[in-house]
């Protein structure tokens, strides 16, 4: 009978000492919390950038309209002050 060599089996990870398993769990929790926090804060930052841009554009439009209104009022008052003398008499 031919004897075959036994295959090299991968070592089972659950046969480690308890402290190695505890360190592994702590490491996994740390990595997962860092990744989740990074994703969350990246999404939060992108949302704030989007909203700030949207509000800034709206504010800019309102400011332009207000400046146009003030300019029209100033031109009307200048036109009233510098009216021709015939229209005053």
PDB file of N, CA and C in Angstrom:
ATOM      1  N   UNK A   1       0.824  -1.177   0.000  1.00  0.00           N
ATOM      2  CA  UNK A   1       0.000   0.000   0.000  1.00  0.00           C
ATOM      3  C   UNK A   1       0.876   1.251   0.000  1.00  0.00           C
ATOM      4  N   UNK A   2       0.487   2.211  -0.837  1.00  0.00           N
ATOM      5  CA  UNK A   2       1.250   3.454  -0.963  1.00  0.00           C
ATOM      6  C   UNK A   2       0.722   4.450   0.069  1.00  0.00           C
ATOM      7  N   UNK A   3       1.643   5.018   0.807  1.00  0.00           N
ATOM      8  CA  UNK A   3       1.228   6.030   1.781  1.00  0.00           C
ATOM      9  C   UNK A   3       1.400   7.411   1.165  1.00  0.00           C
ATOM     10  N   UNK A   4       0.372   8.140   1.211  1.00  0.00           N
ATOM     11  CA  UNK A   4       0.420   9.508   0.691  1.00  0.00           C
ATOM     12  C   UNK A   4       0.725  10.469   1.831  1.00  0.00           C
ATOM     13  N   UNK A   5       1.467  11.530   1.504  1.00  0.00           N
ATOM     14  CA  UNK A   5       1.722  12.505   2.576  1.00  0.00           C
ATOM     15  C   UNK A   5       0.421  13.236   2.926  1.00  0.00           C
ATOM     16  N   UNK A   6       0.287  13.540   4.168  1.00  0.00           N
ATOM     17  CA  UNK A   6      -0.910  14.257   4.602  1.00  0.00           C
ATOM     18  C   UNK A   6      -0.859  15.683   4.082  1.00  0.00           C
ATOM     19  N   UNK A   7      -1.988  16.212   3.632  1.00  0.00           N
ATOM     20  CA  UNK A   7      -1.975  17.599   3.157  1.00  0.00           C
ATOM     21  C   UNK A   7      -1.748  18.563   4.321  1.00  0.00           C
ATOM     22  N   UNK A   8      -1.080  19.647   3.994  1.00  0.00           N
ATOM     23  CA  UNK A   8      -0.821  20.664   5.021  1.00  0.00           C
ATOM     24  C   UNK A   8      -2.110  21.474   5.172  1.00  0.00           C
ATOM     25  N   UNK A   9      -2.722  21.319   6.310  1.00  0.00           N
ATOM     26  CA  UNK A   9      -3.972  22.031   6.568  1.00  0.00           C
ATOM     27  C   UNK A   9      -3.678  23.405   7.149  1.00  0.00           C
ATOM     28  N   UNK A  10      -4.528  24.313   6.786  1.00  0.00           N
ATOM     29  CA  UNK A  10      -4.390  25.669   7.324  1.00  0.00           C
ATOM     30  C   UNK A  10      -4.746  25.649   8.797  1.00  0.00           C
ATOM     31  N   UNK A  11      -4.004  26.363   9.571  1.00  0.00           N
ATOM     32  CA  UNK A  11      -4.236  26.388  11.006  1.00  0.00           C
ATOM     33  C   UNK A  11      -5.546  27.088  11.307  1.00  0.00           C
ATOM     34  N   UNK A  12      -6.338  26.553  12.140  1.00  0.00           N
ATOM     35  CA  UNK A  12      -7.621  27.135  12.504  1.00  0.00           C
ATOM     36  C   UNK A  12      -7.384  28.368  13.372  1.00  0.00           C
ATOM     37  N   UNK A  13      -8.032  29.467  13.011  1.00  0.00           N
ATOM     38  CA  UNK A  13      -7.792  30.714  13.733  1.00  0.00           C
ATOM     39  C   UNK A  13      -8.420  30.701  15.118  1.00  0.00           C
ATOM     40  N   UNK A  14      -9.345  29.812  15.378  1.00  0.00           N
ATOM     41  CA  UNK A  14      -9.992  29.787  16.681  1.00  0.00           C
ATOM     42  C   UNK A  14      -9.176  29.026  17.718  1.00  0.00           C
ATOM     43  N   UNK A  15      -8.044  28.483  17.334  1.00  0.00           N
ATOM     44  CA  UNK A  15      -7.183  27.782  18.276  1.00  0.00           C
ATOM     45  C   UNK A  15      -6.049  28.682  18.744  1.00  0.00           C
ATOM     46  N   UNK A  16      -6.331  29.941  18.814  1.00  0.00           N
ATOM     47  CA  UNK A  16      -5.341  30.880  19.324  1.00  0.00           C
ATOM     48  C   UNK A  16      -5.656  31.189  20.781  1.00  0.00           C
ATOM     49  N   UNK A  17      -4.688  31.695  21.506  1.00  0.00           N
ATOM     50  CA  UNK A  17      -4.962  32.086  22.901  1.00  0.00           C
ATOM     51  C   UNK A  17      -5.998  33.213  22.960  1.00  0.00           C
ATOM     52  N   UNK A  18      -6.662  33.308  24.083  1.00  0.00           N
ATOM     53  CA  UNK A  18      -7.747  34.280  24.226  1.00  0.00           C
ATOM     54  C   UNK A  18      -7.265  35.713  24.054  1.00  0.00           C
ATOM     55  N   UNK A  19      -6.060  36.024  24.519  1.00  0.00           N
ATOM     56  CA  UNK A  19      -5.569  37.394  24.426  1.00  0.00           C
ATOM     57  C   UNK A  19      -5.284  37.792  22.979  1.00  0.00           C
ATOM     58  N   UNK A  20      -4.904  36.842  22.149  1.00  0.00           N
ATOM     59  CA  UNK A  20      -4.698  37.155  20.728  1.00  0.00           C
ATOM     60  C   UNK A  20      -6.044  37.408  20.056  1.00  0.00           C
ATOM     61  N   UNK A  21      -7.047  36.648  20.435  1.00  0.00           N
ATOM     62  CA  UNK A  21      -8.374  36.885  19.877  1.00  0.00           C
ATOM     63  C   UNK A  21      -8.914  38.237  20.340  1.00  0.00           C
ATOM     64  N   UNK A  22      -8.661  38.602  21.594  1.00  0.00           N
ATOM     65  CA  UNK A  22      -9.120  39.889  22.111  1.00  0.00           C
ATOM     66  C   UNK A  22      -8.435  41.046  21.381  1.00  0.00           C
ATOM     67  N   UNK A  23      -7.147  40.912  21.148  1.00  0.00           N
ATOM     68  CA  UNK A  23      -6.424  41.957  20.413  1.00  0.00           C
ATOM     69  C   UNK A  23      -6.933  42.048  18.980  1.00  0.00           C
ATOM     70  N   UNK A  24      -7.226  40.911  18.369  1.00  0.00           N
ATOM     71  CA  UNK A  24      -7.751  40.897  17.013  1.00  0.00           C
ATOM     72  C   UNK A  24      -9.114  41.588  16.951  1.00  0.00           C
ATOM     73  N   UNK A  25      -9.972  41.302  17.905  1.00  0.00           N
ATOM     74  CA  UNK A  25     -11.297  41.944  17.948  1.00  0.00           C
ATOM     75  C   UNK A  25     -11.148  43.450  18.149  1.00  0.00           C
ATOM     76  N   UNK A  26     -10.276  43.847  19.065  1.00  0.00           N
ATOM     77  CA  UNK A  26     -10.058  45.277  19.301  1.00  0.00           C
ATOM     78  C   UNK A  26      -9.532  45.966  18.045  1.00  0.00           C
ATOM     79  N   UNK A  27      -8.620  45.297  17.344  1.00  0.00           N
ATOM     80  CA  UNK A  27      -8.076  45.879  16.117  1.00  0.00           C
ATOM     81  C   UNK A  27      -9.163  46.016  15.057  1.00  0.00           C
ATOM     82  N   UNK A  28      -9.980  44.997  14.905  1.00  0.00           N
ATOM     83  CA  UNK A  28     -11.055  45.067  13.904  1.00  0.00           C
ATOM     84  C   UNK A  28     -12.046  46.170  14.231  1.00  0.00           C
ATOM     85  N   UNK A  29     -12.416  46.301  15.508  1.00  0.00           N
ATOM     86  CA  UNK A  29     -13.336  47.370  15.903  1.00  0.00           C
ATOM     87  C   UNK A  29     -12.736  48.746  15.640  1.00  0.00           C
ATOM     88  N   UNK A  30     -11.450  48.882  15.922  1.00  0.00           N
ATOM     89  CA  UNK A  30     -10.782  50.159  15.677  1.00  0.00           C
ATOM     90  C   UNK A  30     -10.776  50.500  14.196  1.00  0.00           C
ATOM     91  N   UNK A  31     -10.408  49.544  13.373  1.00  0.00           N
ATOM     92  CA  UNK A  31     -10.350  49.796  11.928  1.00  0.00           C
ATOM     93  C   UNK A  31     -11.745  50.103  11.377  1.00  0.00           C
ATOM     94  N   UNK A  32     -12.729  49.298  11.776  1.00  0.00           N
ATOM     95  CA  UNK A  32     -14.085  49.537  11.281  1.00  0.00           C
ATOM     96  C   UNK A  32     -14.628  50.887  11.736  1.00  0.00           C
ATOM     97  N   UNK A  33     -14.348  51.277  12.980  1.00  0.00           N
ATOM     98  CA  UNK A  33     -14.822  52.582  13.445  1.00  0.00           C
ATOM     99  C   UNK A  33     -14.118  53.713  12.702  1.00  0.00           C
ATOM    100  N   UNK A  34     -12.827  53.551  12.411  1.00  0.00           N
ATOM    101  CA  UNK A  34     -12.121  54.588  11.648  1.00  0.00           C
ATOM    102  C   UNK A  34     -12.655  54.705  10.226  1.00  0.00           C
ATOM    103  N   UNK A  35     -12.901  53.575   9.597  1.00  0.00           N
ATOM    104  CA  UNK A  35     -13.438  53.603   8.232  1.00  0.00           C
ATOM    105  C   UNK A  35     -14.839  54.190   8.224  1.00  0.00           C
ATOM    106  N   UNK A  36     -15.691  53.743   9.160  1.00  0.00           N
ATOM    107  CA  UNK A  36     -17.061  54.261   9.214  1.00  0.00           C
ATOM    108  C   UNK A  36     -17.060  55.753   9.528  1.00  0.00           C
ATOM    109  N   UNK A  37     -16.216  56.187  10.439  1.00  0.00           N
ATOM    110  CA  UNK A  37     -16.131  57.610  10.766  1.00  0.00           C
ATOM    111  C   UNK A  37     -15.649  58.435   9.582  1.00  0.00           C
ATOM    112  N   UNK A  38     -14.698  57.914   8.858  1.00  0.00           N
ATOM    113  CA  UNK A  38     -14.190  58.621   7.681  1.00  0.00           C
ATOM    114  C   UNK A  38     -15.275  58.769   6.623  1.00  0.00           C
ATOM    115  N   UNK A  39     -16.013  57.698   6.385  1.00  0.00           N
ATOM    116  CA  UNK A  39     -17.100  57.760   5.402  1.00  0.00           C
ATOM    117  C   UNK A  39     -18.171  58.741   5.854  1.00  0.00           C
ATOM    118  N   UNK A  40     -18.541  58.686   7.132  1.00  0.00           N
ATOM    119  CA  UNK A  40     -19.587  59.574   7.659  1.00  0.00           C
ATOM    120  C   UNK A  40     -19.174  61.038   7.549  1.00  0.00           C
ATOM    121  N   UNK A  41     -17.978  61.359   8.011  1.00  0.00           N
ATOM    122  CA  UNK A  41     -17.549  62.754   8.000  1.00  0.00           C
ATOM    123  C   UNK A  41     -17.247  63.253   6.590  1.00  0.00           C
ATOM    124  N   UNK A  42     -16.832  62.382   5.699  1.00  0.00           N
ATOM    125  CA  UNK A  42     -16.661  62.782   4.306  1.00  0.00           C
ATOM    126  C   UNK A  42     -18.005  63.134   3.689  1.00  0.00           C
ATOM    127  N   UNK A  43     -19.007  62.302   3.944  1.00  0.00           N
ATOM    128  CA  UNK A  43     -20.354  62.589   3.437  1.00  0.00           C
ATOM    129  C   UNK A  43     -20.889  63.878   4.055  1.00  0.00           C
ATOM    130  N   UNK A  44     -20.665  64.084   5.348  1.00  0.00           N
ATOM    131  CA  UNK A  44     -21.111  65.305   6.017  1.00  0.00           C
ATOM    132  C   UNK A  44     -20.433  66.537   5.419  1.00  0.00           C
ATOM    133  N   UNK A  45     -19.135  66.448   5.178  1.00  0.00           N
ATOM    134  CA  UNK A  45     -18.401  67.580   4.604  1.00  0.00           C
ATOM    135  C   UNK A  45     -18.876  67.885   3.188  1.00  0.00           C
ATOM    136  N   UNK A  46     -19.076  66.850   2.374  1.00  0.00           N
ATOM    137  CA  UNK A  46     -19.560  67.068   1.008  1.00  0.00           C
ATOM    138  C   UNK A  46     -20.958  67.691   1.010  1.00  0.00           C
ATOM    139  N   UNK A  47     -21.806  67.238   1.934  1.00  0.00           N
ATOM    140  CA  UNK A  47     -23.153  67.819   2.036  1.00  0.00           C
ATOM    141  C   UNK A  47     -23.078  69.293   2.416  1.00  0.00           C
ATOM    142  N   UNK A  48     -22.222  69.626   3.366  1.00  0.00           N
ATOM    143  CA  UNK A  48     -22.093  71.027   3.779  1.00  0.00           C
ATOM    144  C   UNK A  48     -21.515  71.883   2.654  1.00  0.00           C
ATOM    145  N   UNK A  49     -20.567  71.363   1.908  1.00  0.00           N
ATOM    146  CA  UNK A  49     -20.038  72.111   0.766  1.00  0.00           C
ATOM    147  C   UNK A  49     -21.124  72.369  -0.265  1.00  0.00           C
ATOM    148  N   UNK A  50     -21.963  71.362  -0.527  1.00  0.00           N
ATOM    149  CA  UNK A  50     -23.055  71.519  -1.480  1.00  0.00           C
ATOM    150  C   UNK A  50     -24.054  72.569  -0.988  1.00  0.00           C
ATOM    151  N   UNK A  51     -24.460  72.472   0.277  1.00  0.00           N
ATOM    152  CA  UNK A  51     -25.442  73.422   0.802  1.00  0.00           C
ATOM    153  C   UNK A  51     -24.878  74.830   0.871  1.00  0.00           C
ATOM    154  N   UNK A  52     -23.615  74.980   1.262  1.00  0.00           N
ATOM    155  CA  UNK A  52     -23.008  76.309   1.311  1.00  0.00           C
ATOM    156  C   UNK A  52     -22.950  76.933  -0.078  1.00  0.00           C
ATOM    157  N   UNK A  53     -22.643  76.120  -1.081  1.00  0.00           N
ATOM    158  CA  UNK A  53     -22.609  76.645  -2.444  1.00  0.00           C
ATOM    159  C   UNK A  53     -23.998  77.084  -2.890  1.00  0.00           C
ATOM    160  N   UNK A  54     -24.996  76.266  -2.564  1.00  0.00           N
ATOM    161  CA  UNK A  54     -26.377  76.579  -2.929  1.00  0.00           C
ATOM    162  C   UNK A  54     -26.828  77.880  -2.248  1.00  0.00           C
ATOM    163  N   UNK A  55     -26.578  78.016  -0.940  1.00  0.00           N
ATOM    164  CA  UNK A  55     -26.975  79.221  -0.217  1.00  0.00           C
ATOM    165  C   UNK A  55     -26.192  80.439  -0.687  1.00  0.00           C
ATOM    166  N   UNK A  56     -24.906  80.246  -0.999  1.00  0.00           N
ATOM    167  CA  UNK A  56     -24.090  81.362  -1.469  1.00  0.00           C
ATOM    168  C   UNK A  56     -24.594  81.874  -2.810  1.00  0.00           C
ATOM    169  N   UNK A  57     -25.012  80.973  -3.703  1.00  0.00           N
ATOM    170  CA  UNK A  57     -25.553  81.394  -4.991  1.00  0.00           C
ATOM    171  C   UNK A  57     -26.868  82.157  -4.794  1.00  0.00           C
ATOM    172  N   UNK A  58     -27.717  81.652  -3.898  1.00  0.00           N
ATOM    173  CA  UNK A  58     -28.986  82.322  -3.627  1.00  0.00           C
ATOM    174  C   UNK A  58     -28.732  83.701  -3.016  1.00  0.00           C
ATOM    175  N   UNK A  59     -27.797  83.810  -2.085  1.00  0.00           N
ATOM    176  CA  UNK A  59     -27.458  85.082  -1.466  1.00  0.00           C
ATOM    177  C   UNK A  59     -26.895  86.047  -2.505  1.00  0.00           C
ATOM    178  N   UNK A  60     -26.078  85.542  -3.404  1.00  0.00           N
ATOM    179  CA  UNK A  60     -25.501  86.390  -4.442  1.00  0.00           C
ATOM    180  C   UNK A  60     -26.585  86.961  -5.352  1.00  0.00           C
ATOM    181  N   UNK A  61     -27.547  86.136  -5.706  1.00  0.00           N
ATOM    182  CA  UNK A  61     -28.651  86.605  -6.556  1.00  0.00           C
ATOM    183  C   UNK A  61     -29.446  87.680  -5.831  1.00  0.00           C
ATOM    184  N   UNK A  62     -29.739  87.469  -4.542  1.00  0.00           N
ATOM    185  CA  UNK A  62     -30.469  88.463  -3.765  1.00  0.00           C
ATOM    186  C   UNK A  62     -29.685  89.760  -3.656  1.00  0.00           C
ATOM    187  N   UNK A  63     -28.386  89.674  -3.471  1.00  0.00           N
ATOM    188  CA  UNK A  63     -27.555  90.876  -3.370  1.00  0.00           C
ATOM    189  C   UNK A  63     -27.545  91.643  -4.690  1.00  0.00           C
ATOM    190  N   UNK A  64     -27.454  90.921  -5.817  1.00  0.00           N
ATOM    191  CA  UNK A  64     -27.494  91.604  -7.116  1.00  0.00           C
ATOM    192  C   UNK A  64     -28.819  92.322  -7.329  1.00  0.00           C
ATOM    193  N   UNK A  65     -29.919  91.668  -6.957  1.00  0.00           N
ATOM    194  CA  UNK A  65     -31.231  92.304  -7.113  1.00  0.00           C
ATOM    195  C   UNK A  65     -31.346  93.543  -6.231  1.00  0.00           C
ATOM    196  N   UNK A  66     -30.832  93.462  -5.006  1.00  0.00           N
ATOM    197  CA  UNK A  66     -30.883  94.611  -4.103  1.00  0.00           C
ATOM    198  C   UNK A  66     -30.027  95.755  -4.635  1.00  0.00           C
ATOM    199  N   UNK A  67     -28.839  95.432  -5.159  1.00  0.00           N
ATOM    200  CA  UNK A  67     -27.983  96.481  -5.720  1.00  0.00           C
ATOM    201  C   UNK A  67     -28.632  97.118  -6.945  1.00  0.00           C
ATOM    202  N   UNK A  68     -29.295  96.338  -7.775  1.00  0.00           N
ATOM    203  CA  UNK A  68     -29.978  96.878  -8.945  1.00  0.00           C
ATOM    204  C   UNK A  68     -31.114  97.791  -8.507  1.00  0.00           C
ATOM    205  N   UNK A  69     -31.842  97.409  -7.471  1.00  0.00           N
ATOM    206  CA  UNK A  69     -32.922  98.238  -6.952  1.00  0.00           C
ATOM    207  C   UNK A  69     -32.376  99.556  -6.402  1.00  0.00           C
ATOM    208  N   UNK A  70     -31.278  99.497  -5.645  1.00  0.00           N
ATOM    209  CA  UNK A  70     -30.675 100.719  -5.101  1.00  0.00           C
ATOM    210  C   UNK A  70     -30.161 101.619  -6.224  1.00  0.00           C
ATOM    211  N   UNK A  71     -29.551 100.997  -7.237  1.00  0.00           N
ATOM    212  CA  UNK A  71     -29.043 101.779  -8.364  1.00  0.00           C
ATOM    213  C   UNK A  71     -30.187 102.477  -9.094  1.00  0.00           C
ATOM    214  N   UNK A  72     -31.295 101.780  -9.281  1.00  0.00           N
ATOM    215  CA  UNK A  72     -32.450 102.381  -9.959  1.00  0.00           C
ATOM    216  C   UNK A  72     -33.012 103.529  -9.124  1.00  0.00           C
ATOM    217  N   UNK A  73     -33.091 103.360  -7.797  1.00  0.00           N
ATOM    218  CA  UNK A  73     -33.570 104.434  -6.923  1.00  0.00           C
ATOM    219  C   UNK A  73     -32.626 105.631  -6.969  1.00  0.00           C
ATOM    220  N   UNK A  74     -31.315 105.383  -6.967  1.00  0.00           N
ATOM    221  CA  UNK A  74     -30.339 106.473  -7.014  1.00  0.00           C
ATOM    222  C   UNK A  74     -30.426 107.215  -8.345  1.00  0.00           C
ATOM    223  N   UNK A  75     -30.573 106.480  -9.450  1.00  0.00           N
ATOM    224  CA  UNK A  75     -30.694 107.131 -10.750  1.00  0.00           C
ATOM    225  C   UNK A  75     -31.981 107.936 -10.831  1.00  0.00           C
ATOM    226  N   UNK A  76     -33.041 107.462 -10.233  1.00  0.00           N
ATOM    227  CA  UNK A  76     -34.305 108.204 -10.239  1.00  0.00           C
ATOM    228  C   UNK A  76     -34.183 109.478  -9.408  1.00  0.00           C
ATOM    229  N   UNK A  77     -33.507 109.416  -8.272  1.00  0.00           N
ATOM    230  CA  UNK A  77     -33.342 110.611  -7.448  1.00  0.00           C
ATOM    231  C   UNK A  77     -32.408 111.610  -8.123  1.00  0.00           C
ATOM    232  N   UNK A  78     -31.365 111.113  -8.791  1.00  0.00           N
ATOM    233  CA  UNK A  78     -30.471 112.012  -9.528  1.00  0.00           C
ATOM    234  C   UNK A  78     -31.219 112.653 -10.680  1.00  0.00           C
ATOM    235  N   UNK A  79     -32.060 111.904 -11.347  1.00  0.00           N
ATOM    236  CA  UNK A  79     -32.836 112.453 -12.457  1.00  0.00           C
ATOM    237  C   UNK A  79     -33.816 113.503 -11.959  1.00  0.00           C
ATOM    238  N   UNK A  80     -34.366 113.325 -10.763  1.00  0.00           N
ATOM    239  CA  UNK A  80     -35.308 114.297 -10.212  1.00  0.00           C
ATOM    240  C   UNK A  80     -34.579 115.583  -9.817  1.00  0.00           C
ATOM    241  N   UNK A  81     -33.374 115.451  -9.287  1.00  0.00           N
ATOM    242  CA  UNK A  81     -32.613 116.635  -8.862  1.00  0.00           C
ATOM    243  C   UNK A  81     -32.092 117.398 -10.065  1.00  0.00           C
ATOM    244  N   UNK A  82     -31.646 116.738 -11.093  1.00  0.00           N
ATOM    245  CA  UNK A  82     -31.056 117.396 -12.246  1.00  0.00           C
ATOM    246  C   UNK A  82     -32.061 117.521 -13.391  1.00  0.00           C
ATOM    247  N   UNK A  83     -33.326 117.708 -13.054  1.00  0.00           N
ATOM    248  CA  UNK A  83     -34.354 117.867 -14.104  1.00  0.00           C
ATOM    249  C   UNK A  83     -34.136 119.189 -14.842  1.00  0.00           C
ATOM    250  N   UNK A  84     -34.512 119.256 -16.104  1.00  0.00           N
ATOM    251  CA  UNK A  84     -34.359 120.520 -16.839  1.00  0.00           C
ATOM    252  C   UNK A  84     -35.221 121.615 -16.224  1.00  0.00           C
ATOM    253  N   UNK A  85     -34.753 122.872 -16.410  1.00  0.00           N
ATOM    254  CA  UNK A  85     -35.426 124.015 -15.770  1.00  0.00           C
ATOM    255  C   UNK A  85     -36.824 124.233 -16.343  1.00  0.00           C
ATOM    256  N   UNK A  86     -37.066 123.824 -17.547  1.00  0.00           N
ATOM    257  CA  UNK A  86     -38.390 123.995 -18.125  1.00  0.00           C
ATOM    258  C   UNK A  86     -39.442 123.170 -17.379  1.00  0.00           C
ATOM    259  N   UNK A  87     -39.054 122.023 -16.905  1.00  0.00           N
ATOM    260  CA  UNK A  87     -40.017 121.176 -16.223  1.00  0.00           C
ATOM    261  C   UNK A  87     -40.319 121.688 -14.824  1.00  0.00           C
ATOM    262  N   UNK A  88     -39.418 122.474 -14.251  1.00  0.00           N
ATOM    263  CA  UNK A  88     -39.640 123.032 -12.909  1.00  0.00           C
ATOM    264  C   UNK A  88     -40.640 124.173 -13.010  1.00  0.00           C
ATOM    265  N   UNK A  89     -40.547 125.043 -14.030  1.00  0.00           N
ATOM    266  CA  UNK A  89     -41.412 126.229 -14.147  1.00  0.00           C
ATOM    267  C   UNK A  89     -42.746 125.845 -14.554  1.00  0.00           C
TER     268      UNK A  89
END
